[in-house]
C-alpha atoms as a PDB file:
ATOM      1  CA  MET A   1     -12.957 -10.348   6.030  1.00  0.00           C
ATOM      2  CA  ILE A   2     -16.516 -10.326   7.386  1.00  0.00           C
ATOM      3  CA  PRO A   3     -15.448 -11.064  10.996  1.00  0.00           C
ATOM      4  CA  VAL A   4     -12.847  -8.295  10.776  1.00  0.00           C
ATOM      5  CA  ILE A   5     -15.452  -5.811   9.518  1.00  0.00           C
ATOM      6  CA  LYS A   6     -17.896  -6.834  12.247  1.00  0.00           C
ATOM      7  CA  ARG A   7     -15.231  -6.418  14.933  1.00  0.00           C
ATOM      8  CA  GLU A   8     -14.161  -2.986  13.625  1.00  0.00           C
ATOM      9  CA  LEU A   9     -17.774  -1.805  13.468  1.00  0.00           C
ATOM     10  CA  LYS A  10     -18.447  -3.100  16.984  1.00  0.00           C
ATOM     11  CA  GLU A  11     -15.404  -1.252  18.324  1.00  0.00           C
ATOM     12  CA  MET A  12     -16.519   1.972  16.639  1.00  0.00           C
ATOM     13  CA  LYS A  13     -20.040   1.621  18.030  1.00  0.00           C
ATOM     14  CA  GLU A  14     -18.641   1.043  21.526  1.00  0.00           C
ATOM     15  CA  ALA A  15     -16.411   4.103  21.191  1.00  0.00           C
ATOM     16  CA  CYS A  16     -19.420   6.199  20.181  1.00  0.00           C
ATOM     17  CA  LYS A  17     -21.416   4.847  23.089  1.00  0.00           C
ATOM     18  CA  ALA A  18     -18.560   5.673  25.487  1.00  0.00           C
ATOM     19  CA  LYS A  19     -18.446   9.230  24.106  1.00  0.00           C
ATOM     20  CA  ASN A  20     -22.251   9.589  24.329  1.00  0.00           C
ATOM     21  CA  ILE A  21     -22.650   9.998  20.570  1.00  0.00           C
ATOM     22  CA  ASN A  22     -26.077   9.128  19.181  1.00  0.00           C
ATOM     23  CA  LEU A  23     -26.068   6.718  16.254  1.00  0.00           C
ATOM     24  CA  ASN A  24     -28.303   8.601  13.840  1.00  0.00           C
ATOM     25  CA  ILE A  25     -28.030   8.644  10.036  1.00  0.00           C
ATOM     26  CA  LYS A  26     -25.550  11.534   9.951  1.00  0.00           C
ATOM     27  CA  ASN A  27     -23.232   9.911  12.481  1.00  0.00           C
ATOM     28  CA  MET A  28     -23.506   6.522  10.768  1.00  0.00           C
ATOM     29  CA  LYS A  29     -22.144   8.082   7.565  1.00  0.00           C
ATOM     30  CA  ILE A  30     -19.111   9.270   9.514  1.00  0.00           C
ATOM     31  CA  ILE A  31     -18.684   5.892  11.218  1.00  0.00           C
ATOM     32  CA  LEU A  32     -18.936   4.009   7.919  1.00  0.00           C
ATOM     33  CA  SER A  33     -16.442   6.311   6.231  1.00  0.00           C
ATOM     34  CA  LYS A  34     -13.981   5.774   9.104  1.00  0.00           C
ATOM     35  CA  LEU A  35     -14.652   2.044   8.853  1.00  0.00           C
ATOM     36  CA  LEU A  36     -13.742   2.053   5.159  1.00  0.00           C
ATOM     37  CA  ILE A  37     -10.574   4.032   5.834  1.00  0.00           C
ATOM     38  CA  SER A  38      -9.643   1.575   8.583  1.00  0.00           C
ATOM     39  CA  LEU A  39     -10.230  -1.403   6.289  1.00  0.00           C
ATOM     40  CA  PHE A  40      -8.132   0.103   3.492  1.00  0.00           C
ATOM     41  CA  ARG A  41      -5.349   0.822   5.981  1.00  0.00           C
ATOM     42  CA  ARG A  42      -5.509  -2.767   7.254  1.00  0.00           C
ATOM     43  CA  ALA A  43      -5.423  -4.131   3.675  1.00  0.00           C
ATOM     44  CA  ASN A  44      -2.401  -1.966   2.912  1.00  0.00           C
ATOM     45  CA  GLU A  45      -0.578  -3.200   6.030  1.00  0.00           C
ATOM     46  CA  LEU A  46      -1.367  -6.788   5.055  1.00  0.00           C
ATOM     47  CA  ASP A  47      -0.061  -6.175   1.528  1.00  0.00           C
ATOM     48  CA  GLU A  48       3.178  -4.710   2.873  1.00  0.00           C
ATOM     49  CA  ALA A  49       3.653  -7.620   5.284  1.00  0.00           C
ATOM     50  CA  LEU A  50       3.149 -10.150   2.489  1.00  0.00           C
ATOM     51  CA  LEU A  51       5.585  -8.324   0.238  1.00  0.00           C
ATOM     52  CA  GLU A  52       8.210  -8.346   2.985  1.00  0.00           C
ATOM     53  CA  LYS A  53       7.796 -12.110   3.271  1.00  0.00           C
ATOM     54  CA  GLY A  54       8.295 -12.472  -0.473  1.00  0.00           C
ATOM     55  CA  CYS A  55       4.689 -13.193  -1.416  1.00  0.00           C
ATOM     56  CA  ASN A  56       3.822 -11.431  -4.661  1.00  0.00           C
ATOM     57  CA  LEU A  57       0.077 -11.607  -5.346  1.00  0.00           C
ATOM     58  CA  SER A  58       0.239  -9.697  -8.637  1.00  0.00           C
END
């Protein structure tokens, strides 16, 4: 998961840079919260895909 997190964070930083948003403490809180939401969404999609294939991890 570490490479996925690094890639997501890099993409968010690049998006902020493209929009001319400074990366101060306040903005980093917003970026990190969006990062967590993105990771939870990705985990949910992965769970659904595994369930469709018949993999039950419970």
